[in-house]
PDB file of N, CA and C in Angstrom:
ATOM      1  N   MET A   1      14.984 -14.049  17.811  1.00  0.00           N
ATOM      2  CA  MET A   1      14.966 -13.220  16.310  1.00  0.00           C
ATOM      3  C   MET A   1      15.393 -11.628  16.963  1.00  0.00           C
ATOM      4  N   SER A   2      16.019 -11.055  15.716  1.00  0.00           N
ATOM      5  CA  SER A   2      16.436  -9.608  16.347  1.00  0.00           C
ATOM      6  C   SER A   2      15.563  -8.643  15.738  1.00  0.00           C
ATOM      7  N   ILE A   3      15.522  -7.385  16.624  1.00  0.00           N
ATOM      8  CA  ILE A   3      14.503  -6.577  16.316  1.00  0.00           C
ATOM      9  C   ILE A   3      14.743  -6.129  14.769  1.00  0.00           C
ATOM     10  N   HIS A   4      15.795  -5.811  14.002  1.00  0.00           N
ATOM     11  CA  HIS A   4      16.099  -5.656  13.190  1.00  0.00           C
ATOM     12  C   HIS A   4      15.980  -6.708  11.885  1.00  0.00           C
ATOM     13  N   ARG A   5      15.641  -7.638  11.983  1.00  0.00           N
ATOM     14  CA  ARG A   5      15.358  -8.703  11.242  1.00  0.00           C
ATOM     15  C   ARG A   5      13.733  -8.839  10.904  1.00  0.00           C
ATOM     16  N   SER A   6      13.098  -8.119  11.708  1.00  0.00           N
ATOM     17  CA  SER A   6      11.625  -7.907  11.628  1.00  0.00           C
ATOM     18  C   SER A   6      11.182  -7.515  10.424  1.00  0.00           C
ATOM     19  N   SER A   7      10.123  -8.068   9.829  1.00  0.00           N
ATOM     20  CA  SER A   7       9.413  -7.139   8.631  1.00  0.00           C
ATOM     21  C   SER A   7       8.516  -6.286   8.674  1.00  0.00           C
ATOM     22  N   PHE A   8       8.589  -5.748  10.131  1.00  0.00           N
ATOM     23  CA  PHE A   8       7.679  -4.408  10.413  1.00  0.00           C
ATOM     24  C   PHE A   8       8.804  -3.631  10.971  1.00  0.00           C
ATOM     25  N   PHE A   9      10.015  -3.641  11.085  1.00  0.00           N
ATOM     26  CA  PHE A   9      10.833  -2.737  11.416  1.00  0.00           C
ATOM     27  C   PHE A   9      11.019  -1.692  10.461  1.00  0.00           C
ATOM     28  N   VAL A  10      11.288  -1.448   9.273  1.00  0.00           N
ATOM     29  CA  VAL A  10      11.356  -0.451   8.356  1.00  0.00           C
ATOM     30  C   VAL A  10      10.464   0.156   8.286  1.00  0.00           C
ATOM     31  N   PRO A  11       8.954  -0.071   8.237  1.00  0.00           N
ATOM     32  CA  PRO A  11       7.820   0.841   8.353  1.00  0.00           C
ATOM     33  C   PRO A  11       7.895   1.557   9.734  1.00  0.00           C
ATOM     34  N   ALA A  12       8.183   0.833  10.685  1.00  0.00           N
ATOM     35  CA  ALA A  12       7.743   1.286  11.796  1.00  0.00           C
ATOM     36  C   ALA A  12       8.686   2.431  12.030  1.00  0.00           C
ATOM     37  N   VAL A  13       9.959   2.634  11.498  1.00  0.00           N
ATOM     38  CA  VAL A  13      10.918   3.805  11.648  1.00  0.00           C
ATOM     39  C   VAL A  13      10.657   4.489  10.510  1.00  0.00           C
ATOM     40  N   VAL A  14       9.816   4.526   9.559  1.00  0.00           N
ATOM     41  CA  VAL A  14       9.681   5.326   8.526  1.00  0.00           C
ATOM     42  C   VAL A  14       8.533   5.976   8.957  1.00  0.00           C
ATOM     43  N   PHE A  15       7.725   5.321   9.670  1.00  0.00           N
ATOM     44  CA  PHE A  15       6.338   6.205  10.284  1.00  0.00           C
ATOM     45  C   PHE A  15       6.699   6.863  11.357  1.00  0.00           C
ATOM     46  N   THR A  16       8.056   6.428  12.227  1.00  0.00           N
ATOM     47  CA  THR A  16       8.144   7.202  13.265  1.00  0.00           C
ATOM     48  C   THR A  16       8.804   8.441  12.813  1.00  0.00           C
ATOM     49  N   LEU A  17       9.931   8.477  11.997  1.00  0.00           N
ATOM     50  CA  LEU A  17      10.418   9.771  11.400  1.00  0.00           C
ATOM     51  C   LEU A  17       9.516  10.546  10.905  1.00  0.00           C
ATOM     52  N   SER A  18       8.344   9.957  10.111  1.00  0.00           N
ATOM     53  CA  SER A  18       7.523  11.062   9.472  1.00  0.00           C
ATOM     54  C   SER A  18       6.877  11.804  10.194  1.00  0.00           C
ATOM     55  N   VAL A  19       6.309  11.169  11.551  1.00  0.00           N
ATOM     56  CA  VAL A  19       5.859  12.132  12.438  1.00  0.00           C
ATOM     57  C   VAL A  19       6.500  13.100  12.582  1.00  0.00           C
ATOM     58  N   PHE A  20       7.608  13.325  12.992  1.00  0.00           N
ATOM     59  CA  PHE A  20       8.775  14.425  13.238  1.00  0.00           C
ATOM     60  C   PHE A  20       9.387  15.022  12.096  1.00  0.00           C
ATOM     61  N   ALA A  21       8.615  15.115  11.054  1.00  0.00           N
ATOM     62  CA  ALA A  21       9.015  15.542   9.678  1.00  0.00           C
ATOM     63  C   ALA A  21       8.993  16.945   9.846  1.00  0.00           C
ATOM     64  N   VAL A  22       9.773  17.985   9.662  1.00  0.00           N
ATOM     65  CA  VAL A  22       9.843  19.308   9.301  1.00  0.00           C
ATOM     66  C   VAL A  22      10.265  19.996   8.123  1.00  0.00           C
ATOM     67  N   ARG A  23       9.584  21.037   7.776  1.00  0.00           N
ATOM     68  CA  ARG A  23       9.595  21.835   6.572  1.00  0.00           C
ATOM     69  C   ARG A  23      10.918  22.840   7.013  1.00  0.00           C
ATOM     70  N   LEU A  24      11.889  23.085   6.194  1.00  0.00           N
ATOM     71  CA  LEU A  24      12.852  23.793   6.425  1.00  0.00           C
ATOM     72  C   LEU A  24      12.685  24.813   5.280  1.00  0.00           C
ATOM     73  N   GLY A  25      12.725  26.210   6.135  1.00  0.00           N
ATOM     74  CA  GLY A  25      12.484  27.331   5.314  1.00  0.00           C
ATOM     75  C   GLY A  25      12.945  28.177   6.172  1.00  0.00           C
ATOM     76  N   ASP A  26      12.318  29.966   6.106  1.00  0.00           N
ATOM     77  CA  ASP A  26      12.681  30.673   6.674  1.00  0.00           C
ATOM     78  C   ASP A  26      12.281  30.255   8.278  1.00  0.00           C
ATOM     79  N   PRO A  27      11.188  29.994   8.600  1.00  0.00           N
ATOM     80  CA  PRO A  27      10.784  29.347   9.977  1.00  0.00           C
ATOM     81  C   PRO A  27      10.695  27.937   9.804  1.00  0.00           C
ATOM     82  N   VAL A  28      11.304  27.257  10.364  1.00  0.00           N
ATOM     83  CA  VAL A  28      11.012  25.682  10.458  1.00  0.00           C
ATOM     84  C   VAL A  28       9.874  25.331  11.201  1.00  0.00           C
ATOM     85  N   VAL A  29       8.985  24.559  10.408  1.00  0.00           N
ATOM     86  CA  VAL A  29       7.718  24.261  10.973  1.00  0.00           C
ATOM     87  C   VAL A  29       7.335  22.950  10.884  1.00  0.00           C
ATOM     88  N   TRP A  30       6.552  22.249  11.520  1.00  0.00           N
ATOM     89  CA  TRP A  30       6.265  20.747  11.522  1.00  0.00           C
ATOM     90  C   TRP A  30       5.454  20.565  10.284  1.00  0.00           C
ATOM     91  N   MET A  31       5.809  19.625   9.438  1.00  0.00           N
ATOM     92  CA  MET A  31       5.223  19.515   8.101  1.00  0.00           C
ATOM     93  C   MET A  31       3.472  19.285   7.935  1.00  0.00           C
ATOM     94  N   TRP A  32       3.093  18.869   9.317  1.00  0.00           N
ATOM     95  CA  TRP A  32       1.966  18.357   9.384  1.00  0.00           C
ATOM     96  C   TRP A  32       1.102  19.244  10.207  1.00  0.00           C
ATOM     97  N   ARG A  33       1.805  20.906  10.267  1.00  0.00           N
ATOM     98  CA  ARG A  33       1.190  21.848  11.090  1.00  0.00           C
ATOM     99  C   ARG A  33      -0.348  22.317  10.491  1.00  0.00           C
ATOM    100  N   ASP A  34      -0.301  22.258   9.223  1.00  0.00           N
ATOM    101  CA  ASP A  34      -1.993  22.762   8.496  1.00  0.00           C
ATOM    102  C   ASP A  34      -2.750  21.663   8.939  1.00  0.00           C
ATOM    103  N   GLN A  35      -2.574  20.046   8.917  1.00  0.00           N
ATOM    104  CA  GLN A  35      -3.257  19.080   8.854  1.00  0.00           C
ATOM    105  C   GLN A  35      -2.839  18.386   9.856  1.00  0.00           C
ATOM    106  N   PRO A  36      -3.163  18.661  11.276  1.00  0.00           N
ATOM    107  CA  PRO A  36      -2.782  18.092  12.357  1.00  0.00           C
ATOM    108  C   PRO A  36      -3.315  16.146  12.479  1.00  0.00           C
ATOM    109  N   ILE A  37      -4.403  16.306  11.633  1.00  0.00           N
ATOM    110  CA  ILE A  37      -4.730  14.641  11.899  1.00  0.00           C
ATOM    111  C   ILE A  37      -4.063  13.781  10.742  1.00  0.00           C
ATOM    112  N   VAL A  38      -3.023  14.143   9.754  1.00  0.00           N
ATOM    113  CA  VAL A  38      -2.202  13.299   9.002  1.00  0.00           C
ATOM    114  C   VAL A  38      -0.956  12.884  10.411  1.00  0.00           C
ATOM    115  N   GLY A  39      -0.513  13.872  11.344  1.00  0.00           N
ATOM    116  CA  GLY A  39       0.338  13.592  12.113  1.00  0.00           C
ATOM    117  C   GLY A  39      -0.242  12.666  12.878  1.00  0.00           C
ATOM    118  N   ILE A  40      -1.206  12.940  13.449  1.00  0.00           N
ATOM    119  CA  ILE A  40      -1.951  11.700  14.253  1.00  0.00           C
ATOM    120  C   ILE A  40      -1.845  10.402  13.865  1.00  0.00           C
ATOM    121  N   LEU A  41      -2.346  10.185  12.351  1.00  0.00           N
ATOM    122  CA  LEU A  41      -2.636   8.953  11.832  1.00  0.00           C
ATOM    123  C   LEU A  41      -1.236   8.268  11.587  1.00  0.00           C
ATOM    124  N   LEU A  42       0.077   9.184  11.338  1.00  0.00           N
ATOM    125  CA  LEU A  42       1.137   8.521  10.951  1.00  0.00           C
ATOM    126  C   LEU A  42       1.560   8.251  12.729  1.00  0.00           C
ATOM    127  N   LEU A  43       1.321   8.784  13.560  1.00  0.00           N
ATOM    128  CA  LEU A  43       1.608   8.588  15.064  1.00  0.00           C
ATOM    129  C   LEU A  43       1.006   6.838  15.612  1.00  0.00           C
ATOM    130  N   GLY A  44      -0.436   6.904  15.140  1.00  0.00           N
ATOM    131  CA  GLY A  44      -1.172   5.687  15.252  1.00  0.00           C
ATOM    132  C   GLY A  44      -0.441   4.635  14.339  1.00  0.00           C
ATOM    133  N   ALA A  45       0.196   4.812  13.116  1.00  0.00           N
ATOM    134  CA  ALA A  45       0.456   3.775  12.186  1.00  0.00           C
ATOM    135  C   ALA A  45       1.978   3.295  12.905  1.00  0.00           C
ATOM    136  N   ALA A  46       2.680   4.410  13.369  1.00  0.00           N
ATOM    137  CA  ALA A  46       3.995   3.942  13.791  1.00  0.00           C
ATOM    138  C   ALA A  46       3.802   3.125  15.453  1.00  0.00           C
ATOM    139  N   VAL A  47       2.804   3.484  16.037  1.00  0.00           N
ATOM    140  CA  VAL A  47       2.574   2.817  17.251  1.00  0.00           C
ATOM    141  C   VAL A  47       2.009   1.309  17.040  1.00  0.00           C
ATOM    142  N   VAL A  48       1.193   1.330  15.889  1.00  0.00           N
ATOM    143  CA  VAL A  48       0.822  -0.075  15.651  1.00  0.00           C
ATOM    144  C   VAL A  48       2.064  -1.014  15.068  1.00  0.00           C
ATOM    145  N   PHE A  49       3.019  -0.473  14.289  1.00  0.00           N
ATOM    146  CA  PHE A  49       4.139  -1.328  13.815  1.00  0.00           C
ATOM    147  C   PHE A  49       5.107  -1.390  14.641  1.00  0.00           C
ATOM    148  N   TRP A  50       5.140  -0.674  15.797  1.00  0.00           N
ATOM    149  CA  TRP A  50       6.087  -1.049  16.720  1.00  0.00           C
ATOM    150  C   TRP A  50       5.569  -2.259  17.414  1.00  0.00           C
ATOM    151  N   LEU A  51       4.566  -2.214  17.892  1.00  0.00           N
ATOM    152  CA  LEU A  51       3.855  -3.346  18.457  1.00  0.00           C
ATOM    153  C   LEU A  51       4.158  -4.449  17.684  1.00  0.00           C
ATOM    154  N   LEU A  52       3.634  -4.518  16.477  1.00  0.00           N
ATOM    155  CA  LEU A  52       3.868  -5.456  15.583  1.00  0.00           C
ATOM    156  C   LEU A  52       5.360  -5.980  15.508  1.00  0.00           C
ATOM    157  N   VAL A  53       6.241  -5.321  15.289  1.00  0.00           N
ATOM    158  CA  VAL A  53       7.448  -5.554  15.724  1.00  0.00           C
ATOM    159  C   VAL A  53       8.055  -6.429  16.944  1.00  0.00           C
ATOM    160  N   LEU A  54       7.459  -5.889  18.268  1.00  0.00           N
ATOM    161  CA  LEU A  54       7.857  -6.526  19.645  1.00  0.00           C
ATOM    162  C   LEU A  54       7.198  -7.622  19.602  1.00  0.00           C
ATOM    163  N   ARG A  55       6.041  -7.783  19.149  1.00  0.00           N
ATOM    164  CA  ARG A  55       5.076  -8.990  19.014  1.00  0.00           C
ATOM    165  C   ARG A  55       6.015 -10.019  18.373  1.00  0.00           C
ATOM    166  N   GLN A  56       6.320  -9.667  17.270  1.00  0.00           N
ATOM    167  CA  GLN A  56       7.089 -10.901  16.443  1.00  0.00           C
ATOM    168  C   GLN A  56       8.284 -11.252  16.885  1.00  0.00           C
ATOM    169  N   VAL A  57       9.137 -10.480  17.589  1.00  0.00           N
ATOM    170  CA  VAL A  57      10.336 -10.435  17.797  1.00  0.00           C
ATOM    171  C   VAL A  57       9.836 -11.538  19.578  1.00  0.00           C
ATOM    172  N   ARG A  58       9.081 -11.128  20.196  1.00  0.00           N
ATOM    173  CA  ARG A  58       8.975 -11.967  21.495  1.00  0.00           C
ATOM    174  C   ARG A  58       8.345 -13.276  21.448  1.00  0.00           C
ATOM    175  N   HIS A  59       7.209 -13.693  19.951  1.00  0.00           N
ATOM    176  CA  HIS A  59       7.165 -14.905  19.692  1.00  0.00           C
ATOM    177  C   HIS A  59       8.200 -15.455  19.000  1.00  0.00           C
ATOM    178  N   ALA A  60       9.246 -15.221  18.411  1.00  0.00           N
ATOM    179  CA  ALA A  60      10.356 -15.859  17.830  1.00  0.00           C
ATOM    180  C   ALA A  60      11.148 -16.314  18.763  1.00  0.00           C
ATOM    181  N   ARG A  61      11.351 -15.773  19.995  1.00  0.00           N
ATOM    182  CA  ARG A  61      12.227 -16.445  21.096  1.00  0.00           C
ATOM    183  C   ARG A  61      11.828 -17.862  21.542  1.00  0.00           C
ATOM    184  N   PRO A  62      12.936 -18.790  21.639  1.00  0.00           N
ATOM    185  CA  PRO A  62      12.392 -19.945  22.289  1.00  0.00           C
ATOM    186  C   PRO A  62      11.729 -20.054  23.536  1.00  0.00           C
ATOM    187  N   PRO A  63      10.986 -20.601  24.136  1.00  0.00           N
ATOM    188  CA  PRO A  63      10.632 -20.792  25.521  1.00  0.00           C
ATOM    189  C   PRO A  63      11.819 -21.168  26.401  1.00  0.00           C
ATOM    190  N   PHE A  64      11.656 -20.657  27.616  1.00  0.00           N
ATOM    191  CA  PHE A  64      12.593 -20.878  28.658  1.00  0.00           C
ATOM    192  C   PHE A  64      12.807 -22.342  28.859  1.00  0.00           C
ATOM    193  N   GLU A  65      13.821 -22.967  28.917  1.00  0.00           N
ATOM    194  CA  GLU A  65      14.130 -24.427  29.335  1.00  0.00           C
ATOM    195  C   GLU A  65      15.049 -24.557  30.274  1.00  0.00           C
ATOM    196  N   PRO A  66      14.616 -25.441  31.239  1.00  0.00           N
ATOM    197  CA  PRO A  66      15.172 -25.736  32.564  1.00  0.00           C
ATOM    198  C   PRO A  66      17.035 -26.345  32.121  1.00  0.00           C
ATOM    199  N   PRO A  67      17.332 -26.026  32.939  1.00  0.00           N
ATOM    200  CA  PRO A  67      19.381 -26.337  32.737  1.00  0.00           C
ATOM    201  C   PRO A  67      19.234 -27.776  32.789  1.00  0.00           C
ATOM    202  N   SER A  68      19.712 -28.472  31.996  1.00  0.00           N
ATOM    203  CA  SER A  68      19.830 -29.865  31.495  1.00  0.00           C
ATOM    204  C   SER A  68      20.606 -30.616  32.767  1.00  0.00           C
ATOM    205  N   THR A  69      20.334 -31.761  33.657  1.00  0.00           N
ATOM    206  CA  THR A  69      21.070 -32.752  34.376  1.00  0.00           C
ATOM    207  C   THR A  69      22.184 -33.289  33.739  1.00  0.00           C
ATOM    208  N   GLY A  70      22.255 -33.614  32.696  1.00  0.00           N
ATOM    209  CA  GLY A  70      23.256 -34.382  31.925  1.00  0.00           C
ATOM    210  C   GLY A  70      22.780 -35.641  31.590  1.00  0.00           C
ATOM    211  N   GLN A  71      21.816 -36.123  32.145  1.00  0.00           N
ATOM    212  CA  GLN A  71      20.905 -37.239  31.806  1.00  0.00           C
ATOM    213  C   GLN A  71      19.770 -37.511  31.082  1.00  0.00           C
ATOM    214  N   GLN A  72      19.785 -37.967  30.292  1.00  0.00           N
ATOM    215  CA  GLN A  72      18.370 -38.258  29.392  1.00  0.00           C
ATOM    216  C   GLN A  72      17.239 -38.983  29.967  1.00  0.00           C
ATOM    217  N   GLN A  73      16.232 -38.248  29.701  1.00  0.00           N
ATOM    218  CA  GLN A  73      14.952 -38.529  30.337  1.00  0.00           C
ATOM    219  C   GLN A  73      14.545 -39.753  29.829  1.00  0.00           C
ATOM    220  N   GLY A  74      14.258 -40.914  30.771  1.00  0.00           N
ATOM    221  CA  GLY A  74      13.626 -42.105  30.420  1.00  0.00           C
ATOM    222  C   GLY A  74      14.571 -43.104  29.819  1.00  0.00           C
ATOM    223  N   ARG A  75      15.885 -42.884  29.700  1.00  0.00           N
ATOM    224  CA  ARG A  75      16.985 -43.841  29.215  1.00  0.00           C
ATOM    225  C   ARG A  75      18.182 -43.563  30.305  1.00  0.00           C
ATOM    226  N   GLY A  76      18.073 -44.504  31.033  1.00  0.00           N
ATOM    227  CA  GLY A  76      19.055 -44.885  32.140  1.00  0.00           C
ATOM    228  C   GLY A  76      19.847 -46.370  31.578  1.00  0.00           C
ATOM    229  N   ARG A  77      20.739 -46.188  32.508  1.00  0.00           N
ATOM    230  CA  ARG A  77      21.572 -47.579  32.317  1.00  0.00           C
ATOM    231  C   ARG A  77      21.188 -48.660  32.630  1.00  0.00           C
ATOM    232  N   ARG A  78      21.215 -49.812  32.072  1.00  0.00           N
ATOM    233  CA  ARG A  78      20.784 -51.062  32.873  1.00  0.00           C
ATOM    234  C   ARG A  78      22.071 -52.081  33.031  1.00  0.00           C
TER     235      ARG A  78
END
């Protein structure tokens, strides 16, 4: 499974970008400057969603299979 196909990818990106949101004005300031707990909560949510993305992608991959020898197991010629 590709990371982009994960159902948690879009929320992970949105929460990550909202942590770094700035207010454009005369001085450019971090949007969560007055309430830093909001930025911390957004960062926590972003971390959780990225962990879910990586977990989902890791579990979607097939396990390692040893290379085939060309013969089927248990079915030899007679």
